[in-house]
Protein backbone atom coordinates (compact mmCIF):
# COMPACT_ATOMS: atom_id res chain seq x y z
CA UNK A 1 69.47 9.96 -33.66
CA UNK A 2 69.98 8.55 -30.16
CA UNK A 3 69.64 12.03 -28.71
CA UNK A 4 66.24 12.37 -30.41
CA UNK A 5 65.16 9.03 -29.04
CA UNK A 6 66.23 10.01 -25.54
CA UNK A 7 64.50 13.38 -25.81
CA UNK A 8 61.25 11.66 -26.88
CA UNK A 9 61.54 9.39 -23.85
CA UNK A 10 62.10 12.40 -21.59
CA UNK A 11 59.08 14.19 -23.03
CA UNK A 12 56.84 11.13 -22.79
CA UNK A 13 57.97 10.35 -19.25
CA UNK A 14 57.40 13.97 -18.26
CA UNK A 15 53.83 13.90 -19.61
CA UNK A 16 53.18 10.57 -17.88
CA UNK A 17 54.49 12.02 -14.61
CA UNK A 18 52.14 14.98 -15.08
CA UNK A 19 49.15 12.64 -15.58
CA UNK A 20 50.10 10.52 -12.57
CA UNK A 21 50.66 13.58 -10.40
CA UNK A 22 47.26 14.91 -11.42
CA UNK A 23 45.68 11.60 -10.39
CA UNK A 24 47.39 11.78 -7.00
CA UNK A 25 46.31 15.40 -6.56
CA UNK A 26 42.67 14.44 -7.21
CA UNK A 27 42.58 11.27 -5.12
CA UNK A 28 39.96 12.91 -2.85
CA UNK A 29 38.05 14.71 -5.61
CA UNK A 30 34.44 13.47 -5.72
CA UNK A 31 33.65 11.72 -9.00
CA UNK A 32 37.17 12.17 -10.44
CA UNK A 33 38.23 9.64 -13.06
CA UNK A 34 41.95 8.78 -13.16
CA UNK A 35 43.83 9.49 -16.37
CA UNK A 36 45.74 6.60 -17.90
CA UNK A 37 48.55 7.59 -20.32
CA UNK A 38 49.20 5.38 -23.35
CA UNK A 39 52.79 5.14 -24.74
CA UNK A 40 53.40 4.46 -28.41
CA UNK A 41 56.65 3.64 -30.16
CA UNK A 42 57.62 5.67 -33.25
CA UNK A 43 58.91 4.31 -36.57
CA UNK A 44 57.51 6.85 -39.04
CA UNK A 45 60.91 8.62 -39.34
CA UNK A 46 62.87 5.48 -40.09
CA UNK A 47 65.34 5.88 -43.00
CA UNK A 48 64.18 2.62 -44.59
CA UNK A 49 60.44 2.08 -43.98
CA UNK A 50 60.61 -1.34 -45.71
CA UNK A 51 63.34 -2.70 -43.45
CA UNK A 52 61.91 -5.03 -40.79
CA UNK A 53 65.05 -4.58 -38.71
CA UNK A 54 64.91 -0.81 -38.65
CA UNK A 55 65.42 0.95 -35.33
CA UNK A 56 62.56 2.93 -33.81
CA UNK A 57 62.64 6.67 -33.43
CA UNK A 58 61.56 6.79 -29.77
CA UNK A 59 58.24 6.99 -27.96
CA UNK A 60 55.33 9.35 -27.35
CA UNK A 61 52.06 9.54 -25.40
CA UNK A 62 49.25 9.08 -27.89
CA UNK A 63 46.38 9.76 -25.50
CA UNK A 64 45.30 9.93 -21.87
CA UNK A 65 42.40 7.58 -21.31
CA UNK A 66 39.83 8.23 -18.59
CA UNK A 67 37.77 5.04 -18.09
CA UNK A 68 34.51 5.83 -16.26
CA UNK A 69 34.94 3.00 -13.79
CA UNK A 70 33.09 3.44 -10.50
CA UNK A 71 34.69 4.74 -7.37
CA UNK A 72 33.67 3.76 -3.86
CA UNK A 73 30.35 5.17 -2.61
CA UNK A 74 30.30 6.79 0.82
CA UNK A 75 27.34 8.06 2.84
CA UNK A 76 26.77 11.74 3.61
CA UNK A 77 24.20 13.77 5.55
CA UNK A 78 23.12 16.02 2.65
CA UNK A 79 19.77 14.84 1.16
CA UNK A 80 20.75 16.37 -2.21
CA UNK A 81 24.02 14.42 -2.49
CA UNK A 82 23.69 11.72 -5.16
CA UNK A 83 25.77 8.80 -6.38
CA UNK A 84 25.19 6.55 -9.38
CA UNK A 85 25.71 2.87 -8.64
CA UNK A 86 26.62 1.86 -12.18
CA UNK A 87 26.49 3.32 -15.68
CA UNK A 88 25.42 6.92 -16.23
CA UNK A 89 26.38 10.55 -15.73
CA UNK A 90 24.46 13.50 -14.31
CA UNK A 91 23.30 15.98 -16.92
CA UNK A 92 23.89 19.62 -15.99
CA UNK A 93 23.15 22.80 -17.90
CA UNK A 94 25.01 26.10 -17.94
CA UNK A 95 21.77 27.93 -18.78
CA UNK A 96 18.21 27.42 -17.52
CA UNK A 97 16.35 24.63 -19.31
CA UNK A 98 12.58 25.05 -18.94
CA UNK A 99 11.23 22.29 -21.15
CA UNK A 100 10.24 24.58 -24.03
CA UNK A 101 13.41 23.83 -26.02
CA UNK A 102 16.07 21.15 -26.16
CA UNK A 103 18.98 23.63 -25.89
CA UNK A 104 22.34 23.57 -27.64
CA UNK A 105 24.77 20.70 -26.99
CA UNK A 106 27.31 23.26 -25.73
CA UNK A 107 24.85 24.19 -22.95
CA UNK A 108 25.20 20.79 -21.31
CA UNK A 109 27.97 19.26 -19.24
CA UNK A 110 28.21 15.80 -17.72
CA UNK A 111 29.63 14.67 -14.43
CA UNK A 112 29.80 11.85 -11.90
CA UNK A 113 30.11 14.34 -9.07
CA UNK A 114 26.78 14.34 -7.26
CA UNK A 115 27.47 17.19 -4.83
CA UNK A 116 24.34 19.30 -5.30
CA UNK A 117 22.76 22.19 -3.44
CA UNK A 118 20.27 24.95 -4.25
CA UNK A 119 20.61 28.52 -5.50
CA UNK A 120 18.63 31.57 -4.39
CA UNK A 121 15.65 30.43 -6.49
CA UNK A 122 15.59 26.89 -5.06
CA UNK A 123 17.00 25.41 -8.27
CA UNK A 124 19.29 22.42 -7.78
CA UNK A 125 22.87 23.29 -8.79
CA UNK A 126 26.37 21.86 -8.43
CA UNK A 127 29.49 23.62 -7.14
CA UNK A 128 30.10 25.12 -10.61
CA UNK A 129 26.70 26.77 -10.62
CA UNK A 130 25.41 24.39 -13.30
CA UNK A 131 21.74 23.35 -13.06
CA UNK A 132 20.78 19.71 -12.53
CA UNK A 133 18.65 18.65 -15.48
CA UNK A 134 15.73 16.25 -15.13
CA UNK A 135 12.28 15.39 -16.34
CA UNK A 136 9.45 17.53 -14.86
CA UNK A 137 6.45 16.07 -13.05
CA UNK A 138 2.83 16.59 -14.05
CA UNK A 139 0.38 17.90 -11.40
CA UNK A 140 -0.67 14.32 -10.61
CA UNK A 141 2.94 13.32 -9.90
CA UNK A 142 3.58 11.38 -13.13
CA UNK A 143 6.84 12.09 -14.95
CA UNK A 144 6.79 13.82 -18.33
CA UNK A 145 9.71 12.14 -20.09
CA UNK A 146 9.17 14.08 -23.32
CA UNK A 147 10.82 17.30 -22.11
CA UNK A 148 13.74 18.34 -19.92
CA UNK A 149 13.78 20.96 -17.23
CA UNK A 150 15.91 22.27 -14.39
CA UNK A 151 14.98 20.44 -11.17
CA UNK A 152 13.69 22.76 -8.49
CA UNK A 153 12.72 22.39 -4.84
CA UNK A 154 9.15 23.68 -4.88
CA UNK A 155 8.45 25.21 -1.46
CA UNK A 156 4.69 25.62 -2.03
CA UNK A 157 2.45 23.89 0.53
CA UNK A 158 0.34 20.91 -0.46
CA UNK A 159 -3.30 22.03 -0.85
CA UNK A 160 -5.90 20.36 1.30
CA UNK A 161 -8.01 17.65 -0.31
CA UNK A 162 -11.64 16.84 0.40
CA UNK A 163 -12.54 13.49 1.90
CA UNK A 164 -14.13 11.32 -0.74
CA UNK A 165 -13.77 7.84 0.70
CA UNK A 166 -13.77 6.69 4.27
CA UNK A 167 -13.34 3.22 5.72
CA UNK A 168 -14.51 2.45 9.23
CA UNK A 169 -14.57 -1.12 10.49
CA UNK A 170 -14.97 -2.18 14.09
CA UNK A 171 -16.56 -4.80 16.29
CA UNK A 172 -19.88 -3.82 17.85
CA UNK A 173 -20.48 -5.56 21.15
CA UNK A 174 -23.55 -7.75 20.51
CA UNK A 175 -24.06 -8.68 24.14
CA UNK A 176 -26.31 -5.63 24.70
CA UNK A 177 -30.09 -5.40 24.34
CA UNK A 178 -32.04 -3.60 21.59
CA UNK A 179 -32.71 0.08 22.28
CA UNK A 180 -36.31 1.32 21.91
CA UNK A 181 -35.80 5.03 22.34
CA UNK A 182 -35.13 7.95 20.07
CA UNK A 183 -31.49 8.47 19.23
CA UNK A 184 -29.79 11.39 20.97
CA UNK A 185 -25.97 11.63 20.69
CA UNK A 186 -25.85 13.58 23.95
CA UNK A 187 -27.42 10.64 25.78
CA UNK A 188 -25.28 7.48 25.78
CA UNK A 189 -28.31 5.45 26.77
CA UNK A 190 -29.81 5.94 23.30
CA UNK A 191 -27.05 4.22 21.37
CA UNK A 192 -25.04 1.02 21.74
CA UNK A 193 -21.62 2.16 20.62
CA UNK A 194 -19.88 5.04 18.86
CA UNK A 195 -16.69 5.92 17.02
CA UNK A 196 -15.23 9.03 15.39
CA UNK A 197 -12.99 10.08 12.53
CA UNK A 198 -11.41 13.31 11.30
CA UNK A 199 -12.60 14.27 7.81
CA UNK A 200 -11.85 17.25 5.54
CA UNK A 201 -14.20 19.54 3.64
CA UNK A 202 -13.90 21.16 0.22
CA UNK A 203 -11.37 23.70 1.53
CA UNK A 204 -9.24 21.19 3.43
CA UNK A 205 -10.55 22.19 6.88
CA UNK A 206 -10.92 19.36 9.37
CA UNK A 207 -14.18 18.23 10.97
CA UNK A 208 -15.11 15.47 13.38
CA UNK A 209 -17.38 12.75 12.03
CA UNK A 210 -19.07 10.72 14.75
CA UNK A 211 -20.92 7.49 14.02
CA UNK A 212 -23.38 5.92 16.44
CA UNK A 213 -24.69 2.35 16.33
CA UNK A 214 -28.12 1.65 17.83
CA UNK A 215 -29.11 -2.00 18.30
CA UNK A 216 -32.47 -2.96 16.76
CA UNK A 217 -34.87 -5.87 17.12
CA UNK A 218 -33.82 -8.99 15.26
CA UNK A 219 -35.33 -9.98 11.90
CA UNK A 220 -34.57 -13.54 10.66
CA UNK A 221 -32.43 -13.75 7.54
CA UNK A 222 -33.74 -16.25 4.98
CA UNK A 223 -31.42 -18.38 2.82
CA UNK A 224 -33.01 -20.02 -0.23
CA UNK A 225 -31.35 -23.14 -1.63
CA UNK A 226 -30.43 -22.32 -5.22
CA UNK A 227 -28.89 -25.72 -5.96
CA UNK A 228 -25.33 -26.64 -6.87
CA UNK A 229 -23.94 -25.28 -3.62
CA UNK A 230 -25.53 -21.84 -3.93
CA UNK A 231 -27.78 -20.10 -1.44
CA UNK A 232 -29.55 -16.82 -2.15
CA UNK A 233 -30.63 -14.19 0.34
CA UNK A 234 -32.05 -10.66 0.36
CA UNK A 235 -30.09 -8.24 2.56
CA UNK A 236 -32.89 -5.71 2.07
CA UNK A 237 -35.68 -8.20 2.78
CA UNK A 238 -38.75 -6.78 4.46
CA UNK A 239 -40.02 -7.73 7.87
CA UNK A 240 -43.80 -8.11 7.72
CA UNK A 241 -46.67 -8.74 10.08
CA UNK A 242 -49.54 -10.87 8.85
CA UNK A 243 -53.18 -9.79 9.01
CA UNK A 244 -56.24 -12.08 8.72
CA UNK A 245 -56.03 -15.29 6.74
CA UNK A 246 -58.33 -16.48 3.97
CA UNK A 247 -60.00 -19.90 3.80
CA UNK A 248 -56.83 -21.48 2.41
CA UNK A 249 -54.72 -20.14 5.21
CA UNK A 250 -53.05 -17.43 3.14
CA UNK A 251 -52.73 -13.92 4.64
CA UNK A 252 -55.13 -11.36 3.22
CA UNK A 253 -53.10 -8.38 4.49
CA UNK A 254 -49.45 -7.83 5.40
CA UNK A 255 -47.73 -4.81 6.87
CA UNK A 256 -44.07 -3.99 6.26
CA UNK A 257 -42.52 -3.11 9.62
CA UNK A 258 -38.89 -2.72 8.58
CA UNK A 259 -36.02 -3.87 6.40
CA UNK A 260 -33.37 -6.31 7.51
CA UNK A 261 -30.53 -4.08 6.24
CA UNK A 262 -30.25 -1.11 3.90
CA UNK A 263 -26.52 -0.70 3.35
CA UNK A 264 -25.73 -3.30 0.67
CA UNK A 265 -23.96 -1.89 -2.39
CA UNK A 266 -24.15 -2.58 -5.35
CA UNK A 267 -27.31 -4.34 -4.28
CA UNK A 268 -28.97 -0.95 -3.86
CA UNK A 269 -32.49 -1.76 -5.04
CA UNK A 270 -35.05 -3.26 -2.71
CA UNK A 271 -34.97 -7.05 -2.75
CA UNK A 272 -31.66 -7.16 -4.69
CA UNK A 273 -30.34 -10.67 -4.17
CA UNK A 274 -26.96 -11.84 -2.98
CA UNK A 275 -25.64 -15.34 -3.64
CA UNK A 276 -23.40 -17.58 -1.58
CA UNK A 277 -21.29 -19.90 -3.75
CA UNK A 278 -19.53 -23.12 -2.76
CA UNK A 279 -21.63 -23.41 0.39
CA UNK A 280 -23.32 -26.46 1.91
CA UNK A 281 -25.72 -27.44 4.68
CA UNK A 282 -25.48 -30.48 6.93
CA UNK A 283 -28.27 -31.79 9.14
CA UNK A 284 -27.56 -31.60 12.87
CA UNK A 285 -30.71 -32.28 14.86
CA UNK A 286 -34.43 -31.66 15.42
CA UNK A 287 -35.97 -33.10 12.32
CA UNK A 288 -35.67 -33.44 9.50
CA UNK A 289 -38.25 -30.89 8.40
CA UNK A 290 -39.36 -27.48 9.59
CA UNK A 291 -37.53 -26.47 12.76
CA UNK A 292 -34.58 -28.81 12.16
CA UNK A 293 -31.11 -27.46 12.85
CA UNK A 294 -28.47 -27.45 10.10
CA UNK A 295 -24.84 -26.36 9.90
CA UNK A 296 -24.18 -24.09 6.91
CA UNK A 297 -20.52 -24.07 5.81
CA UNK A 298 -19.47 -21.01 3.79
CA UNK A 299 -16.80 -20.72 1.10
CA UNK A 300 -14.17 -19.43 3.55
CA UNK A 301 -14.72 -22.40 5.85
CA UNK A 302 -16.71 -20.53 8.51
CA UNK A 303 -20.04 -21.94 9.68
CA UNK A 304 -23.51 -20.68 10.59
CA UNK A 305 -26.17 -22.55 12.56
CA UNK A 306 -29.43 -22.24 10.61
CA UNK A 307 -32.96 -23.56 11.02
CA UNK A 308 -35.05 -25.05 8.22
CA UNK A 309 -38.14 -22.90 7.71
CA UNK A 310 -39.30 -24.42 4.42
CA UNK A 311 -38.51 -27.92 3.14
CA UNK A 312 -38.11 -28.47 -0.57
CA UNK A 313 -41.47 -29.29 -2.19
CA UNK A 314 -42.05 -30.54 -5.72
CA UNK A 315 -44.91 -29.13 -7.80
CA UNK A 316 -48.14 -31.00 -7.10
CA UNK A 317 -46.99 -32.12 -3.64
CA UNK A 318 -48.41 -30.86 -0.36
CA UNK A 319 -46.49 -28.02 1.27
CA UNK A 320 -46.13 -28.96 4.96
CA UNK A 321 -45.85 -25.29 5.91
CA UNK A 322 -49.15 -24.08 4.38
CA UNK A 323 -50.87 -27.42 3.92
CA UNK A 324 -51.65 -26.52 0.30
CA UNK A 325 -50.58 -28.26 -2.89
CA UNK A 326 -47.59 -26.59 -4.41
CA UNK A 327 -48.23 -25.27 -7.91
CA UNK A 328 -44.47 -24.97 -8.62
CA UNK A 329 -41.31 -26.40 -7.15
CA UNK A 330 -40.52 -24.76 -3.81
CA UNK A 331 -36.84 -24.68 -2.82
CA UNK A 332 -35.72 -25.36 0.71
CA UNK A 333 -35.27 -22.32 2.95
CA UNK A 334 -33.25 -21.78 6.10
CA UNK A 335 -33.36 -18.94 8.60
CA UNK A 336 -30.96 -17.49 11.13
CA UNK A 337 -31.51 -14.70 13.67
CA UNK A 338 -29.73 -11.42 12.92
CA UNK A 339 -28.24 -8.69 15.02
CA UNK A 340 -29.23 -5.33 13.54
CA UNK A 341 -27.83 -1.86 14.16
CA UNK A 342 -29.11 1.47 12.88
CA UNK A 343 -26.28 3.89 12.07
CA UNK A 344 -26.54 7.61 12.88
CA UNK A 345 -24.01 10.37 12.26
CA UNK A 346 -23.06 13.87 13.38
CA UNK A 347 -20.38 16.22 12.04
CA UNK A 348 -18.95 18.61 14.62
CA UNK A 349 -21.92 17.65 16.82
CA UNK A 350 -24.50 18.63 14.18
CA UNK A 351 -26.97 15.99 13.06
CA UNK A 352 -26.42 14.42 9.63
CA UNK A 353 -29.78 13.27 8.26
CA UNK A 354 -30.18 9.99 6.47
CA UNK A 355 -31.97 9.50 3.19
CA UNK A 356 -35.39 8.66 4.54
CA UNK A 357 -38.19 10.41 6.41
CA UNK A 358 -37.82 11.25 10.10
CA UNK A 359 -37.58 8.22 12.33
CA UNK A 360 -40.64 6.70 13.91
CA UNK A 361 -41.04 4.29 16.76
CA UNK A 362 -41.45 1.44 14.27
CA UNK A 363 -37.94 2.10 12.94
CA UNK A 364 -36.64 1.08 16.34
CA UNK A 365 -38.93 -1.91 16.76
CA UNK A 366 -40.92 -0.13 19.45
CA UNK A 367 -44.65 -0.59 19.82
CA UNK A 368 -45.16 2.80 21.42
CA UNK A 369 -43.98 6.32 20.69
CA UNK A 370 -40.82 7.95 21.85
CA UNK A 371 -40.34 8.84 25.49
CA UNK A 372 -41.52 12.33 26.28
CA UNK A 373 -39.09 15.17 26.84
CA UNK A 374 -36.87 14.43 23.80
CA UNK A 375 -36.59 17.48 21.60
CA UNK A 376 -33.98 19.84 20.12
CA UNK A 377 -31.70 19.48 17.09
CA UNK A 378 -31.74 15.67 17.16
CA UNK A 379 -35.50 15.21 17.37
CA UNK A 380 -36.60 13.00 14.49
CA UNK A 381 -33.08 12.52 13.12
CA UNK A 382 -32.99 9.78 10.48
CA UNK A 383 -30.51 6.91 10.31
CA UNK A 384 -27.93 6.60 7.55
CA UNK A 385 -28.89 2.96 7.21
CA UNK A 386 -29.17 -0.34 9.01
CA UNK A 387 -26.56 -3.10 9.17
CA UNK A 388 -27.27 -6.74 9.91
CA UNK A 389 -25.00 -9.51 11.21
CA UNK A 390 -25.24 -13.29 11.48
CA UNK A 391 -22.86 -15.23 13.68
CA UNK A 392 -20.98 -11.98 14.17
CA UNK A 393 -20.42 -11.54 10.41
CA UNK A 394 -21.76 -8.66 8.35
CA UNK A 395 -24.29 -10.16 5.93
CA UNK A 396 -22.82 -8.05 3.12
CA UNK A 397 -19.46 -9.79 3.61
CA UNK A 398 -20.80 -13.34 3.31
CA UNK A 399 -20.77 -13.55 -0.51
CA UNK A 400 -17.12 -13.81 -1.60
CA UNK A 401 -15.20 -14.51 -4.81
CA UNK A 402 -12.46 -17.07 -5.40
CA UNK A 403 -9.97 -14.64 -3.85
CA UNK A 404 -12.09 -14.46 -0.66
CA UNK A 405 -12.98 -10.82 -1.33
CA UNK A 406 -16.52 -9.67 -0.46
CA UNK A 407 -18.76 -9.22 -3.52
CA UNK A 408 -20.89 -6.56 -1.86
CA UNK A 409 -20.16 -3.53 0.27
CA UNK A 410 -21.84 -1.99 3.25
CA UNK A 411 -21.68 1.70 2.49
CA UNK A 412 -23.22 5.00 3.54
CA UNK A 413 -23.22 8.21 1.56
CA UNK A 414 -22.94 11.51 3.42
CA UNK A 415 -23.44 14.96 1.89
CA UNK A 416 -23.76 18.00 4.11
CA UNK A 417 -22.86 21.65 4.57
CA UNK A 418 -20.37 22.21 7.37
CA UNK A 419 -18.45 24.97 9.08
CA UNK A 420 -19.57 27.93 11.12
CA UNK A 421 -21.51 29.44 8.21
CA UNK A 422 -22.37 26.15 6.46
CA UNK A 423 -20.57 27.39 3.34
CA UNK A 424 -18.22 24.43 3.06
CA UNK A 425 -19.30 21.03 1.82
CA UNK A 426 -18.51 17.43 2.51
CA UNK A 427 -19.57 14.56 0.28
CA UNK A 428 -18.08 11.14 0.81
CA UNK A 429 -18.75 7.42 1.08
CA UNK A 430 -18.15 5.29 4.17
CA UNK A 431 -17.23 1.64 3.59
CA UNK A 432 -17.94 -0.60 6.60
CA UNK A 433 -18.00 -4.01 4.91
CA UNK A 434 -15.57 -5.59 7.39
CA UNK A 435 -17.61 -4.69 10.46
CA UNK A 436 -18.37 -7.49 12.93
CA UNK A 437 -20.82 -7.93 15.79
CA UNK A 438 -19.39 -10.47 18.20
CA UNK A 439 -20.22 -10.57 21.88
CA UNK A 440 -16.90 -8.99 22.74
CA UNK A 441 -15.55 -5.61 23.69
CA UNK A 442 -15.27 -2.87 21.08
CA UNK A 443 -12.29 -3.21 18.74
CA UNK A 444 -11.42 -0.94 15.83
CA UNK A 445 -10.07 -2.73 12.75
CA UNK A 446 -9.82 0.15 10.29
CA UNK A 447 -10.30 3.91 10.61
CA UNK A 448 -9.00 5.76 7.55
CA UNK A 449 -10.00 8.33 4.95
CA UNK A 450 -8.39 9.96 1.91
CA UNK A 451 -8.74 13.67 2.71
CA UNK A 452 -5.95 15.88 3.99
CA UNK A 453 -5.42 19.42 5.34
CA UNK A 454 -3.20 22.13 3.87
CA UNK A 455 0.32 20.87 4.61
CA UNK A 456 3.69 22.59 4.64
CA UNK A 457 6.80 21.12 3.07
CA UNK A 458 8.92 19.25 5.61
CA UNK A 459 11.67 17.52 3.61
CA UNK A 460 12.96 16.37 0.23
CA UNK A 461 14.60 13.16 -0.88
CA UNK A 462 15.58 11.21 -4.00
CA UNK A 463 14.53 7.59 -4.48
CA UNK A 464 16.59 4.92 -6.25
CA UNK A 465 15.13 5.87 -9.64
CA UNK A 466 16.10 9.52 -9.22
CA UNK A 467 12.62 10.81 -8.49
CA UNK A 468 12.62 13.98 -6.42
CA UNK A 469 10.06 13.37 -3.66
CA UNK A 470 8.68 16.19 -1.51
CA UNK A 471 7.38 15.12 1.91
CA UNK A 472 4.80 17.27 3.71
CA UNK A 473 3.81 17.75 7.32
CA UNK A 474 0.75 15.51 6.98
CA UNK A 475 2.94 12.59 5.92
CA UNK A 476 1.91 12.73 2.27
CA UNK A 477 4.46 12.95 -0.50
CA UNK A 478 4.53 14.32 -4.03
CA UNK A 479 6.93 13.68 -6.90
CA UNK A 480 8.46 16.93 -8.21
CA UNK A 481 10.61 15.55 -11.02
CA UNK A 482 13.20 12.92 -11.94
CA UNK A 483 16.95 13.10 -12.55
CA UNK A 484 17.99 12.74 -16.20
CA UNK A 485 21.04 10.53 -16.71
CA UNK A 486 23.27 10.38 -19.80
CA UNK A 487 25.41 7.66 -21.33
CA UNK A 488 27.92 7.73 -24.18
CA UNK A 489 29.02 5.05 -26.62
CA UNK A 490 32.64 6.02 -25.99
CA UNK A 491 32.84 7.75 -22.61
CA UNK A 492 36.66 7.84 -22.89
CA UNK A 493 36.19 10.29 -25.75
CA UNK A 494 34.60 12.93 -23.49
CA UNK A 495 36.49 16.20 -23.15
CA UNK A 496 37.50 17.06 -19.55
CA UNK A 497 36.82 20.73 -18.86
CA UNK A 498 37.61 20.92 -15.15
CA UNK A 499 35.26 21.22 -12.24
CA UNK A 500 34.67 17.42 -12.42
CA UNK A 501 32.77 17.92 -15.67
CA UNK A 502 33.00 16.73 -19.26
CA UNK A 503 31.64 17.80 -22.60
CA UNK A 504 30.67 15.59 -25.51
CA UNK A 505 32.93 15.33 -28.54
CA UNK A 506 32.97 13.67 -31.93
CA UNK A 507 34.87 10.77 -30.34
CA UNK A 508 32.35 10.27 -27.52
CA UNK A 509 29.30 10.50 -29.74
CA UNK A 510 25.99 12.03 -28.76
CA UNK A 511 24.50 11.12 -25.38
CA UNK A 512 21.60 8.73 -24.87
CA UNK A 513 19.33 9.68 -22.00
CA UNK A 514 17.30 7.77 -19.46
CA UNK A 515 16.56 7.36 -15.76
CA UNK A 516 18.28 5.51 -12.95
CA UNK A 517 17.54 1.80 -12.78
CA UNK A 518 16.11 1.70 -16.32
CA UNK A 519 17.95 -0.13 -19.09
CA UNK A 520 21.72 0.08 -18.65
CA UNK A 521 21.60 2.93 -16.14
CA UNK A 522 22.59 2.21 -12.56
CA UNK A 523 20.44 2.88 -9.52
CA UNK A 524 20.72 6.20 -7.73
CA UNK A 525 21.78 6.46 -4.11
CA UNK A 526 20.75 9.54 -2.16
CA UNK A 527 22.77 11.02 0.70
CA UNK A 528 25.82 9.42 -0.87
CA UNK A 529 28.77 10.42 -3.05
CA UNK A 530 31.09 8.55 -5.38
CA UNK A 531 34.77 8.92 -4.52
CA UNK A 532 37.48 9.12 -7.16
CA UNK A 533 38.62 5.87 -8.74
CA UNK A 534 42.28 6.71 -8.03
CA UNK A 535 44.27 3.89 -6.41
CA UNK A 536 46.95 5.83 -4.51
CA UNK A 537 49.22 2.85 -3.96
CA UNK A 538 49.24 2.01 -7.65
CA UNK A 539 49.80 5.65 -8.61
CA UNK A 540 52.80 5.98 -6.24
CA UNK A 541 54.37 2.82 -7.62
CA UNK A 542 53.81 4.14 -11.13
CA UNK A 543 55.36 7.47 -10.20
CA UNK A 544 58.53 5.75 -8.97
CA UNK A 545 58.68 3.70 -12.15
CA UNK A 546 58.31 6.81 -14.29
CA UNK A 547 61.03 8.53 -12.27
CA UNK A 548 63.43 5.71 -13.13
CA UNK A 549 62.38 5.91 -16.77
CA UNK A 550 63.02 9.67 -16.78
CA UNK A 551 66.47 9.17 -15.21
CA UNK A 552 67.32 6.46 -17.72
CA UNK A 553 66.22 8.68 -20.62
CA UNK A 554 68.42 11.44 -19.21
CA UNK A 555 71.38 9.04 -19.26
CA UNK A 556 70.61 8.23 -22.90
CA UNK A 557 70.69 11.91 -23.78
CA UNK A 558 73.87 12.44 -21.72
CA UNK A 559 75.63 9.44 -23.26
CA UNK A 560 74.57 10.40 -26.79
CA UNK A 561 75.85 13.94 -26.22
CA UNK A 562 79.17 12.63 -24.90
CA UNK A 563 79.66 10.34 -27.92
CA UNK A 564 78.78 13.21 -30.26
CA UNK A 565 81.28 15.51 -28.51
CA UNK A 566 84.04 12.88 -28.74
CA UNK A 567 83.44 12.42 -32.47
CA UNK A 568 83.49 16.13 -33.08
CA UNK A 569 86.71 16.54 -31.07
CA UNK A 570 88.48 13.81 -33.07
CA UNK A 571 87.29 15.27 -36.34
CA UNK A 572 88.32 18.73 -35.24
């Protein structure tokens, strides 16, 4: 019996040495998980199973465990190298998975080795030729988690997109005088300031948008006291001239000579009212009464110096402005001078007309016609709109919410045919709400738009959630898919099949799938690889221990054989 016990020890030690040697051999194998042998003593062959003092029948290795503990993560230069910083395994397929079917379980293998490259069809594969499985992306870049597909590096260029929204904000130097001449972009004397921006048409071709700002005569802005800290004003208020007066002093005729501003949105209708909230006025000097100076404090803490143009009058009291008895309550009104700028545009040097009729001298505050000698493609060009400023602030930016965001926008809409044959179109909105008009040099705050040209692929990368991101020459990016990770209830029950890969088994259970950083799954690290979890020092110490065990088992067999030979010799 002792010989059998010794032989079992030799066999078990030999298998343990094999497992340890395999660990040492794969110490530098990416993603390798060290095998841990498990010894078990044997009593099933005991002559008296009910005897608690019975001698065992030897030992055996019951299993080789492979805990999926993490190895160290090291950086690489390959953008397709991946490492999982936690729970999860890469899902690979031996056949192409296109999202139309789930595939057979035998088609899938699982690995912690993130060494990936591409095949001749730009599909992402590992060194075994297996395809990296992920979730495909919809055309808008969202991930379709309902199906699986082989991840592929799509080399197609990014189509050009038409400009739909533009934002241009700058400071217009208000120290200049109003201009009373017809606008001509080729003559810098006919505009105050200009700026430009590259935009894109319906085919993705680029064009140069130029905006020109022409200073106009001032029209006073009127604030009406609405009570409870509110003041109302009309950004589109009309400027009028008064004709003859009747016997009560009221004008019999008025002539509209211009609008204060025309760019407010959503206050698009004439006389649409804007409201300042949480504002106040404080008397300064010159009154009280008409002509007195007040300091108006706005919600954001900024101030405007205003002049009272109409004191509050109760119904039945005499109005000091007209001298008549007021038939209804008249709220107090305050005025402030404005700086006004008409905005003109060209695209590739071609005039972009505004929405109104051709400009007249009155549009520029001039009392006479245009200077002679102005003709050509810009003759009679209309403005896109007119902007107005008080204290350097755009009047459309005065009304703000509790988050200090403007409640109205200064915007222009442009629609035109462009290109050499005028077959391409542009149609976009320009937001200039944050424009200012301080007496200071020109300064650009924002100059951006959302169009883009046709762009070639420049690089690929994975983010921490496993999304495959394509980066194009214009700096834009697009998500092409997302890595699909797997997890098993008993990962030690996976079947090792070589090539750093495993297959599921009845012991491991079926995989549960997800994405990096979600739930139990660890984050993904690109340009990195996970080293084996083999501790060489520990494995060498174990190997020496197993060598001693093997030698001792050999002595048991040798001694048992010697005793058996002696007995046989005496009996013989």
